[in-house]
PDB file of all heavy atoms in Angstrom:
ATOM      1  N   LEU A   1      15.623 -15.753   9.581  1.00  0.00           N
ATOM      2  CA  LEU A   1      14.527 -16.641   9.907  1.00  0.00           C
ATOM      3  C   LEU A   1      15.026 -17.826  10.781  1.00  0.00           C
ATOM      4  O   LEU A   1      14.334 -18.258  11.706  1.00  0.00           O
ATOM      5  CB  LEU A   1      13.896 -17.175   8.674  1.00  0.00           C
ATOM      6  CG  LEU A   1      13.114 -16.145   7.802  1.00  0.00           C
ATOM      7  CD1 LEU A   1      12.389 -16.922   6.660  1.00  0.00           C
ATOM      8  CD2 LEU A   1      12.136 -15.366   8.641  1.00  0.00           C
ATOM      9  N   ALA A   2      16.280 -18.274  10.609  1.00  0.00           N
ATOM     10  CA  ALA A   2      16.833 -19.324  11.406  1.00  0.00           C
ATOM     11  C   ALA A   2      16.992 -18.829  12.912  1.00  0.00           C
ATOM     12  O   ALA A   2      16.599 -19.593  13.792  1.00  0.00           O
ATOM     13  CB  ALA A   2      18.183 -19.709  10.924  1.00  0.00           C
ATOM     14  N   HIS A   3      17.337 -17.599  13.080  1.00  0.00           N
ATOM     15  CA  HIS A   3      17.472 -17.022  14.429  1.00  0.00           C
ATOM     16  C   HIS A   3      16.081 -16.926  15.038  1.00  0.00           C
ATOM     17  O   HIS A   3      15.935 -17.310  16.282  1.00  0.00           O
ATOM     18  CB  HIS A   3      18.102 -15.623  14.391  1.00  0.00           C
ATOM     19  CG  HIS A   3      18.210 -14.991  15.714  1.00  0.00           C
ATOM     20  ND1 HIS A   3      19.192 -15.222  16.645  1.00  0.00           N
ATOM     21  CD2 HIS A   3      17.312 -14.099  16.412  1.00  0.00           C
ATOM     22  CE1 HIS A   3      19.003 -14.575  17.700  1.00  0.00           C
ATOM     23  NE2 HIS A   3      17.874 -13.855  17.536  1.00  0.00           N
ATOM     24  N   LEU A   4      15.109 -16.428  14.346  1.00  0.00           N
ATOM     25  CA  LEU A   4      13.791 -16.273  14.902  1.00  0.00           C
ATOM     26  C   LEU A   4      13.186 -17.711  15.239  1.00  0.00           C
ATOM     27  O   LEU A   4      12.512 -17.781  16.308  1.00  0.00           O
ATOM     28  CB  LEU A   4      12.828 -15.522  13.902  1.00  0.00           C
ATOM     29  CG  LEU A   4      13.208 -14.043  13.638  1.00  0.00           C
ATOM     30  CD1 LEU A   4      12.312 -13.469  12.631  1.00  0.00           C
ATOM     31  CD2 LEU A   4      13.210 -13.271  14.966  1.00  0.00           C
ATOM     32  N   ALA A   5      13.426 -18.629  14.402  1.00  0.00           N
ATOM     33  CA  ALA A   5      12.933 -19.973  14.744  1.00  0.00           C
ATOM     34  C   ALA A   5      13.581 -20.515  16.006  1.00  0.00           C
ATOM     35  O   ALA A   5      12.918 -21.147  16.900  1.00  0.00           O
ATOM     36  CB  ALA A   5      13.188 -20.935  13.571  1.00  0.00           C
ATOM     37  N   ALA A   6      14.907 -20.293  16.158  1.00  0.00           N
ATOM     38  CA  ALA A   6      15.607 -20.883  17.270  1.00  0.00           C
ATOM     39  C   ALA A   6      15.110 -20.080  18.545  1.00  0.00           C
ATOM     40  O   ALA A   6      15.190 -20.662  19.648  1.00  0.00           O
ATOM     41  CB  ALA A   6      17.144 -20.674  17.056  1.00  0.00           C
ATOM     42  N   ALA A   7      14.798 -18.840  18.398  1.00  0.00           N
ATOM     43  CA  ALA A   7      14.386 -18.050  19.564  1.00  0.00           C
ATOM     44  C   ALA A   7      12.927 -18.245  19.916  1.00  0.00           C
ATOM     45  O   ALA A   7      12.425 -17.668  20.906  1.00  0.00           O
ATOM     46  CB  ALA A   7      14.597 -16.553  19.253  1.00  0.00           C
ATOM     47  N   GLY A   8      12.211 -19.130  19.173  1.00  0.00           N
ATOM     48  CA  GLY A   8      10.842 -19.441  19.558  1.00  0.00           C
ATOM     49  C   GLY A   8       9.750 -18.623  18.959  1.00  0.00           C
ATOM     50  O   GLY A   8       8.609 -18.668  19.341  1.00  0.00           O
ATOM     51  N   PHE A   9      10.130 -17.786  17.943  1.00  0.00           N
ATOM     52  CA  PHE A   9       9.072 -16.901  17.346  1.00  0.00           C
ATOM     53  C   PHE A   9       8.249 -17.733  16.372  1.00  0.00           C
ATOM     54  O   PHE A   9       8.836 -18.550  15.575  1.00  0.00           O
ATOM     55  CB  PHE A   9       9.735 -15.752  16.572  1.00  0.00           C
ATOM     56  CG  PHE A   9      10.333 -14.705  17.521  1.00  0.00           C
ATOM     57  CD1 PHE A   9      11.651 -14.784  18.015  1.00  0.00           C
ATOM     58  CD2 PHE A   9       9.571 -13.575  17.866  1.00  0.00           C
ATOM     59  CE1 PHE A   9      12.128 -13.827  18.896  1.00  0.00           C
ATOM     60  CE2 PHE A   9      10.129 -12.645  18.708  1.00  0.00           C
ATOM     61  CZ  PHE A   9      11.388 -12.750  19.221  1.00  0.00           C
ATOM     62  N   ARG A  10       7.000 -17.476  16.322  1.00  0.00           N
ATOM     63  CA  ARG A  10       6.098 -18.056  15.352  1.00  0.00           C
ATOM     64  C   ARG A  10       5.930 -17.068  14.225  1.00  0.00           C
ATOM     65  O   ARG A  10       5.394 -15.937  14.463  1.00  0.00           O
ATOM     66  CB  ARG A  10       4.721 -18.539  15.932  1.00  0.00           C
ATOM     67  CG  ARG A  10       4.873 -19.560  17.020  1.00  0.00           C
ATOM     68  CD  ARG A  10       3.583 -20.094  17.464  1.00  0.00           C
ATOM     69  NE  ARG A  10       2.807 -20.672  16.379  1.00  0.00           N
ATOM     70  CZ  ARG A  10       1.513 -21.148  16.456  1.00  0.00           C
ATOM     71  NH1 ARG A  10       0.887 -20.992  17.618  1.00  0.00           N
ATOM     72  NH2 ARG A  10       0.942 -21.704  15.447  1.00  0.00           N
ATOM     73  N   ILE A  11       6.235 -17.407  12.997  1.00  0.00           N
ATOM     74  CA  ILE A  11       6.256 -16.439  11.861  1.00  0.00           C
ATOM     75  C   ILE A  11       5.088 -16.834  10.956  1.00  0.00           C
ATOM     76  O   ILE A  11       4.692 -17.979  10.878  1.00  0.00           O
ATOM     77  CB  ILE A  11       7.646 -16.563  11.158  1.00  0.00           C
ATOM     78  CG1 ILE A  11       8.768 -16.193  12.158  1.00  0.00           C
ATOM     79  CG2 ILE A  11       7.620 -15.593   9.950  1.00  0.00           C
ATOM     80  CD1 ILE A  11       8.609 -14.894  12.760  1.00  0.00           C
ATOM     81  N   SER A  12       4.677 -15.882  10.227  1.00  0.00           N
ATOM     82  CA  SER A  12       3.548 -16.119   9.211  1.00  0.00           C
ATOM     83  C   SER A  12       4.050 -17.216   8.262  1.00  0.00           C
ATOM     84  O   SER A  12       5.211 -17.377   7.935  1.00  0.00           O
ATOM     85  CB  SER A  12       3.373 -14.838   8.337  1.00  0.00           C
ATOM     86  OG  SER A  12       2.650 -15.093   7.168  1.00  0.00           O
ATOM     87  N   THR A  13       3.042 -18.056   7.824  1.00  0.00           N
ATOM     88  CA  THR A  13       3.316 -19.133   6.910  1.00  0.00           C
ATOM     89  C   THR A  13       3.145 -18.654   5.448  1.00  0.00           C
ATOM     90  O   THR A  13       3.401 -19.427   4.502  1.00  0.00           O
ATOM     91  CB  THR A  13       2.390 -20.310   7.147  1.00  0.00           C
ATOM     92  OG1 THR A  13       1.052 -19.903   7.036  1.00  0.00           O
ATOM     93  CG2 THR A  13       2.642 -20.908   8.571  1.00  0.00           C
ATOM     94  N   SER A  14       2.877 -17.373   5.211  1.00  0.00           N
ATOM     95  CA  SER A  14       2.695 -16.840   3.904  1.00  0.00           C
ATOM     96  C   SER A  14       4.091 -16.685   3.225  1.00  0.00           C
ATOM     97  O   SER A  14       5.080 -16.421   3.887  1.00  0.00           O
ATOM     98  CB  SER A  14       2.012 -15.558   3.874  1.00  0.00           C
ATOM     99  OG  SER A  14       0.639 -15.697   4.402  1.00  0.00           O
ATOM    100  N   GLY A  15       4.097 -16.794   1.906  1.00  0.00           N
ATOM    101  CA  GLY A  15       5.369 -16.681   1.157  1.00  0.00           C
ATOM    102  C   GLY A  15       5.959 -18.093   0.779  1.00  0.00           C
ATOM    103  O   GLY A  15       5.422 -19.104   1.321  1.00  0.00           O
ATOM    104  N   ALA A  16       7.029 -18.058   0.058  1.00  0.00           N
ATOM    105  CA  ALA A  16       7.720 -19.303  -0.255  1.00  0.00           C
ATOM    106  C   ALA A  16       8.206 -19.983   1.081  1.00  0.00           C
ATOM    107  O   ALA A  16       8.528 -19.288   2.065  1.00  0.00           O
ATOM    108  CB  ALA A  16       8.884 -19.053  -1.171  1.00  0.00           C
ATOM    109  N   PRO A  17       8.352 -21.335   1.142  1.00  0.00           N
ATOM    110  CA  PRO A  17       8.675 -22.015   2.369  1.00  0.00           C
ATOM    111  C   PRO A  17       9.989 -21.451   3.024  1.00  0.00           C
ATOM    112  O   PRO A  17       9.986 -21.335   4.281  1.00  0.00           O
ATOM    113  CB  PRO A  17       8.858 -23.399   1.943  1.00  0.00           C
ATOM    114  CG  PRO A  17       7.971 -23.570   0.696  1.00  0.00           C
ATOM    115  CD  PRO A  17       8.042 -22.260   0.046  1.00  0.00           C
ATOM    116  N   GLU A  18      10.963 -21.051   2.216  1.00  0.00           N
ATOM    117  CA  GLU A  18      12.252 -20.635   2.843  1.00  0.00           C
ATOM    118  C   GLU A  18      12.167 -19.096   3.093  1.00  0.00           C
ATOM    119  O   GLU A  18      13.065 -18.569   3.629  1.00  0.00           O
ATOM    120  CB  GLU A  18      13.363 -20.928   1.902  1.00  0.00           C
ATOM    121  CG  GLU A  18      13.493 -20.083   0.626  1.00  0.00           C
ATOM    122  CD  GLU A  18      12.599 -20.568  -0.542  1.00  0.00           C
ATOM    123  OE1 GLU A  18      11.696 -21.362  -0.208  1.00  0.00           O
ATOM    124  OE2 GLU A  18      12.836 -20.138  -1.666  1.00  0.00           O
ATOM    125  N   ARG A  19      11.070 -18.451   2.759  1.00  0.00           N
ATOM    126  CA  ARG A  19      11.000 -16.962   2.946  1.00  0.00           C
ATOM    127  C   ARG A  19       9.696 -16.573   3.701  1.00  0.00           C
ATOM    128  O   ARG A  19       9.182 -15.515   3.544  1.00  0.00           O
ATOM    129  CB  ARG A  19      10.957 -16.254   1.597  1.00  0.00           C
ATOM    130  CG  ARG A  19      12.261 -16.434   0.826  1.00  0.00           C
ATOM    131  CD  ARG A  19      12.439 -15.457  -0.344  1.00  0.00           C
ATOM    132  NE  ARG A  19      11.310 -15.565  -1.296  1.00  0.00           N
ATOM    133  CZ  ARG A  19      11.258 -16.299  -2.342  1.00  0.00           C
ATOM    134  NH1 ARG A  19      12.368 -17.113  -2.528  1.00  0.00           N
ATOM    135  NH2 ARG A  19      10.308 -16.382  -3.145  1.00  0.00           N
ATOM    136  N   ARG A  20       9.224 -17.510   4.548  1.00  0.00           N
ATOM    137  CA  ARG A  20       7.969 -17.269   5.172  1.00  0.00           C
ATOM    138  C   ARG A  20       8.074 -16.005   6.089  1.00  0.00           C
ATOM    139  O   ARG A  20       8.984 -15.874   6.909  1.00  0.00           O
ATOM    140  CB  ARG A  20       7.587 -18.435   6.111  1.00  0.00           C
ATOM    141  CG  ARG A  20       7.201 -19.602   5.308  1.00  0.00           C
ATOM    142  CD  ARG A  20       6.964 -20.855   6.163  1.00  0.00           C
ATOM    143  NE  ARG A  20       6.480 -21.993   5.305  1.00  0.00           N
ATOM    144  CZ  ARG A  20       6.380 -23.227   5.845  1.00  0.00           C
ATOM    145  NH1 ARG A  20       6.678 -23.481   7.122  1.00  0.00           N
ATOM    146  NH2 ARG A  20       5.972 -24.219   5.024  1.00  0.00           N
ATOM    147  N   GLY A  21       7.118 -15.186   5.877  1.00  0.00           N
ATOM    148  CA  GLY A  21       6.944 -13.911   6.703  1.00  0.00           C
ATOM    149  C   GLY A  21       7.856 -12.778   6.232  1.00  0.00           C
ATOM    150  O   GLY A  21       7.812 -11.638   6.738  1.00  0.00           O
ATOM    151  N   VAL A  22       8.768 -12.996   5.304  1.00  0.00           N
ATOM    152  CA  VAL A  22       9.689 -11.962   4.869  1.00  0.00           C
ATOM    153  C   VAL A  22       9.047 -11.101   3.900  1.00  0.00           C
ATOM    154  O   VAL A  22       8.676 -11.484   2.771  1.00  0.00           O
ATOM    155  CB  VAL A  22      10.969 -12.598   4.276  1.00  0.00           C
ATOM    156  CG1 VAL A  22      11.901 -11.553   3.680  1.00  0.00           C
ATOM    157  CG2 VAL A  22      11.753 -13.361   5.325  1.00  0.00           C
ATOM    158  N   VAL A  23       9.035  -9.787   4.226  1.00  0.00           N
ATOM    159  CA  VAL A  23       8.376  -8.793   3.323  1.00  0.00           C
ATOM    160  C   VAL A  23       9.376  -7.790   2.811  1.00  0.00           C
ATOM    161  O   VAL A  23       9.048  -6.968   1.906  1.00  0.00           O
ATOM    162  CB  VAL A  23       7.228  -8.013   4.130  1.00  0.00           C
ATOM    163  CG1 VAL A  23       6.067  -8.950   4.479  1.00  0.00           C
ATOM    164  CG2 VAL A  23       7.849  -7.369   5.347  1.00  0.00           C
ATOM    165  N   GLN A  24      10.594  -7.833   3.328  1.00  0.00           N
ATOM    166  CA  GLN A  24      11.706  -7.079   2.826  1.00  0.00           C
ATOM    167  C   GLN A  24      13.022  -7.790   3.106  1.00  0.00           C
ATOM    168  O   GLN A  24      13.076  -8.667   3.877  1.00  0.00           O
ATOM    169  CB  GLN A  24      11.770  -5.657   3.492  1.00  0.00           C
ATOM    170  CG  GLN A  24      12.137  -5.766   4.961  1.00  0.00           C
ATOM    171  CD  GLN A  24      12.607  -4.497   5.636  1.00  0.00           C
ATOM    172  OE1 GLN A  24      12.297  -4.241   6.736  1.00  0.00           O
ATOM    173  NE2 GLN A  24      13.431  -3.743   4.886  1.00  0.00           N
ATOM    174  N   ARG A  25      14.032  -7.458   2.340  1.00  0.00           N
ATOM    175  CA  ARG A  25      15.296  -8.120   2.518  1.00  0.00           C
ATOM    176  C   ARG A  25      16.453  -7.071   2.580  1.00  0.00           C
ATOM    177  O   ARG A  25      16.376  -5.946   1.954  1.00  0.00           O
ATOM    178  CB  ARG A  25      15.570  -9.097   1.380  1.00  0.00           C
ATOM    179  CG  ARG A  25      14.708 -10.256   1.419  1.00  0.00           C
ATOM    180  CD  ARG A  25      14.946 -11.246   0.294  1.00  0.00           C
ATOM    181  NE  ARG A  25      14.486 -10.784  -0.984  1.00  0.00           N
ATOM    182  CZ  ARG A  25      14.541 -11.443  -2.112  1.00  0.00           C
ATOM    183  NH1 ARG A  25      15.085 -12.628  -2.137  1.00  0.00           N
ATOM    184  NH2 ARG A  25      13.979 -10.959  -3.186  1.00  0.00           N
ATOM    185  N   LEU A  26      17.525  -7.376   3.270  1.00  0.00           N
ATOM    186  CA  LEU A  26      18.735  -6.646   3.314  1.00  0.00           C
ATOM    187  C   LEU A  26      19.847  -7.533   2.788  1.00  0.00           C
ATOM    188  O   LEU A  26      19.839  -8.721   3.013  1.00  0.00           O
ATOM    189  CB  LEU A  26      19.077  -6.097   4.734  1.00  0.00           C
ATOM    190  CG  LEU A  26      18.186  -5.182   5.435  1.00  0.00           C
ATOM    191  CD1 LEU A  26      18.697  -4.855   6.817  1.00  0.00           C
ATOM    192  CD2 LEU A  26      18.023  -3.873   4.592  1.00  0.00           C
ATOM    193  N   ASP A  27      20.742  -6.903   2.071  1.00  0.00           N
ATOM    194  CA  ASP A  27      21.958  -7.658   1.560  1.00  0.00           C
ATOM    195  C   ASP A  27      22.612  -8.288   2.779  1.00  0.00           C
ATOM    196  O   ASP A  27      22.636  -7.739   3.896  1.00  0.00           O
ATOM    197  CB  ASP A  27      22.985  -6.769   0.886  1.00  0.00           C
ATOM    198  CG  ASP A  27      22.385  -6.196  -0.401  1.00  0.00           C
ATOM    199  OD1 ASP A  27      21.340  -6.663  -0.891  1.00  0.00           O
ATOM    200  OD2 ASP A  27      22.994  -5.229  -0.882  1.00  0.00           O
ATOM    201  N   VAL A  28      23.334  -9.396   2.514  1.00  0.00           N
ATOM    202  CA  VAL A  28      24.101 -10.089   3.560  1.00  0.00           C
ATOM    203  C   VAL A  28      25.109  -9.135   4.186  1.00  0.00           C
ATOM    204  O   VAL A  28      25.283  -9.039   5.391  1.00  0.00           O
ATOM    205  CB  VAL A  28      24.892 -11.338   3.005  1.00  0.00           C
ATOM    206  CG1 VAL A  28      25.845 -11.824   3.962  1.00  0.00           C
ATOM    207  CG2 VAL A  28      23.898 -12.411   2.589  1.00  0.00           C
ATOM    208  N   GLY A  29      25.731  -8.291   3.356  1.00  0.00           N
ATOM    209  CA  GLY A  29      26.743  -7.348   3.926  1.00  0.00           C
ATOM    210  C   GLY A  29      26.192  -6.052   4.474  1.00  0.00           C
ATOM    211  O   GLY A  29      27.038  -5.198   4.881  1.00  0.00           O
ATOM    212  N   THR A  30      24.868  -5.900   4.516  1.00  0.00           N
ATOM    213  CA  THR A  30      24.268  -4.686   4.996  1.00  0.00           C
ATOM    214  C   THR A  30      23.640  -4.982   6.350  1.00  0.00           C
ATOM    215  O   THR A  30      22.958  -5.920   6.489  1.00  0.00           O
ATOM    216  CB  THR A  30      23.204  -4.156   3.987  1.00  0.00           C
ATOM    217  OG1 THR A  30      23.761  -3.853   2.688  1.00  0.00           O
ATOM    218  CG2 THR A  30      22.511  -2.888   4.507  1.00  0.00           C
ATOM    219  N   SER A  31      23.850  -4.127   7.254  1.00  0.00           N
ATOM    220  CA  SER A  31      23.346  -4.252   8.670  1.00  0.00           C
ATOM    221  C   SER A  31      22.127  -3.351   8.831  1.00  0.00           C
ATOM    222  O   SER A  31      21.898  -2.432   7.962  1.00  0.00           O
ATOM    223  CB  SER A  31      24.335  -3.950   9.697  1.00  0.00           C
ATOM    224  OG  SER A  31      24.956  -2.648   9.437  1.00  0.00           O
ATOM    225  N   GLY A  32      21.291  -3.549   9.810  1.00  0.00           N
ATOM    226  CA  GLY A  32      20.264  -2.686  10.161  1.00  0.00           C
ATOM    227  C   GLY A  32      18.870  -3.284  10.267  1.00  0.00           C
ATOM    228  O   GLY A  32      18.749  -4.485  10.400  1.00  0.00           O
TER     229      GLY A  32
END
């Protein structure tokens, strides 16, 4: 989300404030 914000993407405001727009998660050590 920090990257998307810096790149100028407007993300959904739904969800907890720190997880806006996130509908799935990957572990920190998992890529893809």
